[in-house]
Protein backbone atom coordinates (compact mmCIF):
# COMPACT_ATOMS: atom_id res chain seq x y z
CA UNK A 1 35.84 10.31 27.63
CA UNK A 2 34.14 12.46 30.27
CA UNK A 3 31.68 15.30 29.71
CA UNK A 4 31.79 18.67 31.47
CA UNK A 5 29.64 21.79 31.60
CA UNK A 6 31.05 25.19 32.52
CA UNK A 7 29.10 28.28 33.61
CA UNK A 8 30.44 31.81 34.04
CA UNK A 9 29.25 35.37 34.41
CA UNK A 10 29.72 37.88 31.55
CA UNK A 11 33.10 39.16 32.75
CA UNK A 12 36.56 38.74 31.25
CA UNK A 13 38.25 38.32 34.63
CA UNK A 14 36.04 35.33 35.39
CA UNK A 15 36.01 33.78 31.93
CA UNK A 16 39.60 34.13 30.74
CA UNK A 17 41.23 31.95 33.44
CA UNK A 18 38.93 29.05 32.54
CA UNK A 19 39.86 29.00 28.84
CA UNK A 20 43.28 27.30 29.22
CA UNK A 21 41.59 24.73 31.49
CA UNK A 22 39.01 23.97 28.81
CA UNK A 23 41.75 23.58 26.21
CA UNK A 24 43.57 21.20 28.54
CA UNK A 25 40.44 19.06 29.02
CA UNK A 26 39.62 19.02 25.31
CA UNK A 27 43.20 18.14 24.40
CA UNK A 28 42.94 15.18 26.74
CA UNK A 29 39.94 13.92 24.79
CA UNK A 30 37.01 15.17 26.89
CA UNK A 31 33.88 17.05 25.79
CA UNK A 32 33.05 20.47 27.22
CA UNK A 33 29.94 22.63 26.95
CA UNK A 34 30.19 26.27 28.09
CA UNK A 35 27.09 28.31 29.01
CA UNK A 36 28.18 31.91 28.54
CA UNK A 37 27.52 35.06 26.53
CA UNK A 38 28.04 36.09 22.91
CA UNK A 39 30.86 38.45 23.83
CA UNK A 40 32.96 35.40 24.72
CA UNK A 41 31.78 32.97 22.02
CA UNK A 42 34.86 33.23 19.82
CA UNK A 43 37.27 32.70 22.70
CA UNK A 44 35.30 29.75 24.09
CA UNK A 45 35.02 28.00 20.75
CA UNK A 46 38.70 28.62 20.06
CA UNK A 47 39.46 26.86 23.35
CA UNK A 48 37.58 23.82 22.03
CA UNK A 49 34.28 23.94 23.93
CA UNK A 50 30.73 23.96 22.59
CA UNK A 51 29.37 27.46 23.22
CA UNK A 52 25.80 27.81 24.51
CA UNK A 53 24.41 31.35 24.58
CA UNK A 54 22.66 32.68 27.68
CA UNK A 55 22.25 36.26 26.46
CA UNK A 56 18.52 36.21 25.90
CA UNK A 57 17.97 34.94 29.45
CA UNK A 58 20.06 37.55 31.27
CA UNK A 59 17.81 40.30 32.68
CA UNK A 60 18.12 43.49 30.66
CA UNK A 61 20.44 45.90 32.43
CA UNK A 62 21.98 49.15 31.26
CA UNK A 63 25.71 49.86 31.52
CA UNK A 64 24.94 52.61 34.03
CA UNK A 65 22.92 50.23 36.20
CA UNK A 66 25.57 47.50 35.95
CA UNK A 67 28.29 49.92 37.04
CA UNK A 68 26.12 50.90 39.99
CA UNK A 69 25.59 47.29 41.06
CA UNK A 70 29.02 45.74 40.63
CA UNK A 71 30.65 45.65 44.04
CA UNK A 72 28.08 48.10 45.42
CA UNK A 73 24.49 46.83 45.40
CA UNK A 74 24.45 43.28 46.75
CA UNK A 75 20.67 42.94 46.83
CA UNK A 76 20.38 43.85 43.15
CA UNK A 77 22.99 41.23 42.24
CA UNK A 78 21.10 38.54 44.18
CA UNK A 79 17.94 39.59 42.37
CA UNK A 80 19.72 39.30 39.03
CA UNK A 81 21.06 35.85 39.97
CA UNK A 82 17.60 34.59 40.91
CA UNK A 83 15.98 36.03 37.80
CA UNK A 84 18.68 34.56 35.54
CA UNK A 85 18.41 31.14 37.18
CA UNK A 86 14.65 31.04 36.74
CA UNK A 87 14.84 32.35 33.17
CA UNK A 88 17.39 29.63 32.25
CA UNK A 89 15.68 26.89 34.26
CA UNK A 90 13.70 25.12 31.53
CA UNK A 91 16.43 25.38 28.86
CA UNK A 92 19.35 24.26 31.02
CA UNK A 93 17.55 21.53 32.94
CA UNK A 94 16.12 20.04 29.73
CA UNK A 95 19.47 20.12 27.91
CA UNK A 96 21.55 18.79 30.78
CA UNK A 97 19.16 15.98 31.63
CA UNK A 98 19.73 14.83 28.04
CA UNK A 99 23.48 15.56 27.95
CA UNK A 100 24.11 13.93 31.36
CA UNK A 101 27.40 15.70 32.18
CA UNK A 102 29.82 14.04 34.54
CA UNK A 103 30.45 17.33 36.31
CA UNK A 104 29.38 20.99 36.37
CA UNK A 105 32.12 23.59 36.86
CA UNK A 106 30.73 27.01 37.70
CA UNK A 107 32.30 30.34 38.53
CA UNK A 108 32.03 31.31 42.19
CA UNK A 109 29.88 34.33 41.25
CA UNK A 110 27.83 32.45 38.66
CA UNK A 111 25.46 31.18 41.31
CA UNK A 112 22.99 29.76 38.82
CA UNK A 113 25.54 27.09 37.81
CA UNK A 114 25.78 25.98 41.42
CA UNK A 115 21.99 25.96 41.75
CA UNK A 116 21.58 23.85 38.58
CA UNK A 117 24.11 21.32 39.86
CA UNK A 118 22.17 20.94 43.10
CA UNK A 119 18.80 20.64 41.38
CA UNK A 120 20.08 18.09 38.82
CA UNK A 121 22.14 16.23 41.45
CA UNK A 122 25.25 16.56 39.27
CA UNK A 123 28.76 16.67 40.81
CA UNK A 124 29.81 20.28 41.21
CA UNK A 125 33.14 22.13 41.26
CA UNK A 126 33.45 25.80 42.11
CA UNK A 127 35.81 27.84 39.94
CA UNK A 128 37.15 30.76 41.96
CA UNK A 129 38.96 33.49 40.07
CA UNK A 130 39.04 35.71 43.18
CA UNK A 131 40.45 34.76 46.57
CA UNK A 132 38.74 31.74 48.10
CA UNK A 133 35.91 32.88 50.35
CA UNK A 134 34.77 31.46 53.71
CA UNK A 135 33.64 32.80 57.07
CA UNK A 136 37.23 33.69 57.96
CA UNK A 137 38.17 35.56 54.79
CA UNK A 138 34.77 37.29 54.81
CA UNK A 139 36.03 39.33 57.77
CA UNK A 140 38.72 40.80 55.54
CA UNK A 141 36.15 42.36 53.21
CA UNK A 142 35.46 45.27 55.59
CA UNK A 143 32.59 46.75 53.58
CA UNK A 144 32.19 50.50 53.74
CA UNK A 145 29.33 51.95 55.77
CA UNK A 146 27.41 52.58 52.52
CA UNK A 147 27.96 48.99 51.31
CA UNK A 148 26.91 47.55 54.68
CA UNK A 149 23.83 49.78 54.78
CA UNK A 150 22.81 48.65 51.28
CA UNK A 151 23.01 44.99 52.36
CA UNK A 152 20.82 45.64 55.43
CA UNK A 153 18.10 47.55 53.61
CA UNK A 154 18.21 45.06 50.73
CA UNK A 155 17.48 41.97 52.87
CA UNK A 156 13.70 41.96 52.23
CA UNK A 157 14.36 41.96 48.47
CA UNK A 158 16.94 39.18 48.88
CA UNK A 159 14.60 37.02 50.96
CA UNK A 160 11.81 37.47 48.40
CA UNK A 161 14.05 36.10 45.62
CA UNK A 162 15.27 33.24 47.83
CA UNK A 163 11.65 32.14 48.29
CA UNK A 164 11.04 32.39 44.54
CA UNK A 165 13.99 30.05 43.92
CA UNK A 166 12.52 27.57 46.41
CA UNK A 167 9.21 27.72 44.55
CA UNK A 168 11.08 26.58 41.41
CA UNK A 169 12.53 23.55 43.20
CA UNK A 170 15.91 24.97 44.24
CA UNK A 171 17.03 23.95 47.71
CA UNK A 172 18.30 27.22 49.14
CA UNK A 173 18.72 27.65 52.87
CA UNK A 174 19.72 31.32 52.76
CA UNK A 175 21.60 33.78 50.56
CA UNK A 176 24.77 32.79 52.47
CA UNK A 177 24.41 29.20 51.29
CA UNK A 178 24.41 30.47 47.70
CA UNK A 179 27.45 32.70 47.90
CA UNK A 180 29.68 30.77 50.32
CA UNK A 181 31.37 27.43 49.81
CA UNK A 182 32.14 25.17 52.73
CA UNK A 183 35.16 22.94 53.21
CA UNK A 184 33.30 20.01 51.63
CA UNK A 185 32.94 21.74 48.24
CA UNK A 186 35.55 20.90 45.61
CA UNK A 187 36.98 24.25 44.59
CA UNK A 188 39.58 25.36 42.06
CA UNK A 189 41.29 28.59 43.13
CA UNK A 190 43.34 30.50 40.56
CA UNK A 191 46.04 31.57 42.97
CA UNK A 192 48.52 29.91 45.33
CA UNK A 193 48.38 29.19 49.03
CA UNK A 194 51.21 31.68 49.47
CA UNK A 195 49.09 34.50 48.03
CA UNK A 196 45.70 33.40 49.42
CA UNK A 197 44.92 35.08 52.76
CA UNK A 198 44.24 32.65 55.62
CA UNK A 199 44.99 29.68 53.37
CA UNK A 200 45.24 27.42 56.42
CA UNK A 201 41.47 27.76 57.01
CA UNK A 202 40.61 25.86 53.80
CA UNK A 203 40.37 22.07 53.45
CA UNK A 204 42.29 19.91 50.99
CA UNK A 205 39.24 20.06 48.71
CA UNK A 206 40.54 23.48 47.65
CA UNK A 207 43.03 23.14 44.80
CA UNK A 208 45.23 26.25 44.71
CA UNK A 209 46.50 25.88 41.15
CA UNK A 210 47.97 29.34 40.58
CA UNK A 211 46.95 31.72 37.82
CA UNK A 212 45.73 30.19 34.58
CA UNK A 213 47.56 32.48 32.16
CA UNK A 214 47.17 32.21 28.41
CA UNK A 215 50.36 32.27 26.36
CA UNK A 216 50.76 35.62 24.67
CA UNK A 217 53.36 36.58 22.07
CA UNK A 218 55.93 39.06 23.25
CA UNK A 219 55.49 42.41 21.50
CA UNK A 220 58.44 44.62 22.43
CA UNK A 221 57.64 48.19 23.43
CA UNK A 222 59.93 50.91 22.14
CA UNK A 223 61.18 51.90 25.59
CA UNK A 224 64.00 54.17 24.45
CA UNK A 225 65.78 53.29 27.72
CA UNK A 226 62.75 54.46 29.71
CA UNK A 227 60.86 52.69 32.47
CA UNK A 228 57.40 51.55 31.33
CA UNK A 229 54.27 52.33 33.34
CA UNK A 230 51.12 50.43 32.39
CA UNK A 231 47.76 51.82 33.57
CA UNK A 232 44.40 50.03 33.46
CA UNK A 233 41.16 49.97 35.47
CA UNK A 234 40.03 46.65 34.00
CA UNK A 235 37.02 45.92 31.83
CA UNK A 236 34.01 46.78 34.05
CA UNK A 237 34.38 49.89 36.22
CA UNK A 238 36.78 51.59 33.83
CA UNK A 239 34.85 54.75 32.95
CA UNK A 240 36.87 57.17 35.07
CA UNK A 241 37.95 60.13 32.94
CA UNK A 242 39.08 62.07 36.01
CA UNK A 243 41.52 59.31 37.00
CA UNK A 244 42.97 59.04 33.51
CA UNK A 245 43.43 62.81 33.33
CA UNK A 246 45.25 62.76 36.67
CA UNK A 247 47.57 60.08 35.29
CA UNK A 248 48.29 62.30 32.28
CA UNK A 249 49.03 65.25 34.57
CA UNK A 250 51.24 63.07 36.77
CA UNK A 251 53.40 61.59 34.03
CA UNK A 252 53.28 64.07 31.12
CA UNK A 253 56.81 64.76 29.89
CA UNK A 254 58.18 62.43 32.60
CA UNK A 255 61.12 60.05 32.10
CA UNK A 256 58.62 57.21 31.70
CA UNK A 257 56.98 55.51 28.75
CA UNK A 258 53.27 55.22 29.66
CA UNK A 259 50.75 52.78 28.16
CA UNK A 260 47.17 53.47 29.29
CA UNK A 261 44.16 51.26 28.52
CA UNK A 262 40.89 53.21 28.97
CA UNK A 263 38.19 50.80 27.77
CA UNK A 264 35.66 51.13 24.97
CA UNK A 265 33.37 53.70 26.59
CA UNK A 266 35.97 56.40 27.33
CA UNK A 267 37.26 58.20 24.26
CA UNK A 268 40.89 59.32 24.15
CA UNK A 269 39.82 62.67 22.67
CA UNK A 270 37.84 63.42 25.85
CA UNK A 271 41.02 63.33 27.94
CA UNK A 272 42.56 66.40 26.33
CA UNK A 273 46.04 66.63 24.85
CA UNK A 274 47.86 63.30 24.99
CA UNK A 275 51.60 63.74 25.75
CA UNK A 276 54.19 62.25 23.42
CA UNK A 277 55.35 59.74 26.05
CA UNK A 278 51.80 58.28 26.35
CA UNK A 279 50.14 55.54 24.32
CA UNK A 280 46.39 55.56 24.98
CA UNK A 281 44.21 52.74 23.66
CA UNK A 282 40.73 51.30 24.22
CA UNK A 283 42.18 47.80 24.51
CA UNK A 284 45.64 46.28 24.81
CA UNK A 285 46.98 42.75 25.12
CA UNK A 286 47.55 43.04 28.86
CA UNK A 287 49.83 40.03 29.29
CA UNK A 288 52.06 41.22 26.45
CA UNK A 289 52.31 44.71 27.96
CA UNK A 290 53.03 43.36 31.44
CA UNK A 291 55.90 41.31 30.09
CA UNK A 292 57.54 44.65 29.23
CA UNK A 293 56.26 46.86 32.07
CA UNK A 294 58.16 48.05 35.14
CA UNK A 295 55.13 49.31 37.07
CA UNK A 296 51.41 48.52 36.83
CA UNK A 297 48.86 51.05 38.11
CA UNK A 298 45.78 48.88 38.63
CA UNK A 299 42.27 48.76 40.08
CA UNK A 300 43.29 45.48 41.81
CA UNK A 301 40.95 43.09 40.04
CA UNK A 302 42.17 39.59 40.84
CA UNK A 303 42.84 38.70 37.22
CA UNK A 304 44.94 41.84 36.67
CA UNK A 305 46.91 41.33 39.89
CA UNK A 306 47.52 37.67 39.04
CA UNK A 307 48.82 38.60 35.60
CA UNK A 308 51.02 41.34 37.01
CA UNK A 309 52.60 39.09 39.63
CA UNK A 310 52.93 36.23 37.14
CA UNK A 311 55.04 38.63 35.07
CA UNK A 312 56.92 39.85 38.16
CA UNK A 313 55.66 43.44 37.94
CA UNK A 314 55.15 45.47 41.17
CA UNK A 315 51.99 47.55 41.42
CA UNK A 316 50.50 50.87 42.41
CA UNK A 317 47.15 49.80 43.84
CA UNK A 318 43.89 51.74 43.36
CA UNK A 319 41.03 49.48 44.54
CA UNK A 320 37.48 50.56 43.74
CA UNK A 321 35.41 48.36 46.09
CA UNK A 322 35.72 45.98 49.04
CA UNK A 323 36.72 42.83 47.12
CA UNK A 324 39.50 44.71 45.36
CA UNK A 325 40.62 46.25 48.66
CA UNK A 326 41.22 42.74 50.02
CA UNK A 327 43.43 41.96 47.02
CA UNK A 328 45.27 45.27 47.39
CA UNK A 329 45.83 44.70 51.10
CA UNK A 330 47.37 41.29 50.41
CA UNK A 331 49.76 42.76 47.82
CA UNK A 332 50.76 45.45 50.33
CA UNK A 333 51.18 42.85 53.08
CA UNK A 334 53.58 40.89 50.85
CA UNK A 335 55.29 44.17 49.89
CA UNK A 336 54.84 43.74 46.15
CA UNK A 337 53.01 47.04 45.73
CA UNK A 338 51.95 50.38 47.20
CA UNK A 339 48.35 51.41 47.82
CA UNK A 340 47.26 54.88 46.70
CA UNK A 341 45.66 56.98 49.42
CA UNK A 342 44.38 59.48 46.85
CA UNK A 343 44.56 59.53 43.06
CA UNK A 344 45.92 63.07 42.78
CA UNK A 345 48.85 63.55 40.36
CA UNK A 346 51.33 64.08 43.21
CA UNK A 347 50.19 60.84 44.90
CA UNK A 348 50.60 58.91 41.66
CA UNK A 349 54.05 60.38 41.11
CA UNK A 350 55.17 59.63 44.67
CA UNK A 351 53.97 56.01 44.53
CA UNK A 352 55.76 55.27 41.24
CA UNK A 353 59.00 56.90 42.40
CA UNK A 354 58.95 54.90 45.65
CA UNK A 355 58.14 51.66 43.85
CA UNK A 356 61.03 52.06 41.43
CA UNK A 357 63.50 53.34 44.05
CA UNK A 358 63.11 50.50 46.54
CA UNK A 359 64.20 47.14 45.03
CA UNK A 360 62.23 45.15 47.63
CA UNK A 361 59.01 45.61 45.65
CA UNK A 362 60.48 44.12 42.48
CA UNK A 363 62.17 41.33 44.44
CA UNK A 364 58.90 40.31 46.11
CA UNK A 365 56.94 40.51 42.85
CA UNK A 366 59.51 38.23 41.24
CA UNK A 367 59.34 35.77 44.16
CA UNK A 368 55.59 35.56 43.71
CA UNK A 369 56.08 35.17 39.96
CA UNK A 370 58.20 32.09 40.56
CA UNK A 371 55.63 30.76 43.04
CA UNK A 372 52.81 31.31 40.54
CA UNK A 373 54.66 29.70 37.64
CA UNK A 374 55.42 26.56 39.67
CA UNK A 375 51.85 26.05 40.91
CA UNK A 376 50.59 23.97 37.97
CA UNK A 377 48.05 26.28 36.34
CA UNK A 378 45.60 24.88 33.80
CA UNK A 379 47.07 21.37 33.84
CA UNK A 380 46.68 21.20 37.63
CA UNK A 381 43.09 22.46 37.35
CA UNK A 382 42.26 19.79 34.76
CA UNK A 383 43.76 17.14 37.06
CA UNK A 384 41.54 18.34 39.93
CA UNK A 385 38.42 18.23 37.74
CA UNK A 386 39.20 14.75 36.45
CA UNK A 387 39.90 13.55 39.98
CA UNK A 388 36.38 14.64 40.95
CA UNK A 389 34.92 12.57 38.09
CA UNK A 390 37.12 9.62 39.02
CA UNK A 391 35.86 9.84 42.58
CA UNK A 392 32.28 9.86 41.33
CA UNK A 393 32.74 6.65 39.33
CA UNK A 394 34.74 4.76 41.97
């Protein structure tokens, strides 16, 4: 039996893909600890891992501040990473020196997991639920002028936190060494080489295992011979009443059945009169809905795009920041979706009509679905993790 420790940030898109991998490892007889947050405790324990709460160590941050930082304020995120690492330092280092894990698997944005692995000299695997990131793919990010300006003016704050990490015994060369893997780092990527941009620039230490999709029961939607449009902006930057209202204006009394997920913070009553052909909910089982949908209007989070393509559903793409724009651009490049130029009702209508009228979008989404389903998924990820441990002991 081997022992593993997982770390992730408090985000569904980064946690959910790891859960089938944990179940796979546990079912093979291995022990897994998962340092995460109370919001995910039930799911993690159901997957078979020991849950360890990090909530009290995460710097206090309001929803408004979090929404401002995600994808927008890089310096603030680095500050949060450094503060979280230092806050967790004594607890994690004490526990893991006693537990002696064979390997630490940490999300690519959960930088404190990577830093703990280095400090404790424990074998490390990066878990990447976005596209794999190196100096070549970084050029695809094309940050906006505002995003670039924020990075420049935030450098003094970043450098101050880097020095603080060094003072606590963390070997950090620069902020780039924290956020970027090199070709010597074992990395699990939850997509395929066919979907990953510039896949040829990554070494064979990168295991492109395809999406790790949980099995979800099929819950038929009463289509009434109508095409189904599913709309969601994900679980983080989903407070966009104006966008939802534009969707209602675009598809009210249309020949479509529309399912719209608006998150917990936006209330359906605030959107005005809901048309009869709309179902509006705070939360839906996304995989179940996608198994029935004909079109997905999405913010282009990697997890959402993976699930859509896994189900063979073409997309109308509405990215909200630079990372999501890279994902959207790749979907457009492979002609499995159409990017919105504006989110006005007429633009939404035009995109959906074009997507449904041209069969090439569905054909390409279905080709990618087959590619994703044949990539190996959770079982392939577990094999890659165990191979790392085998290499350590040999």
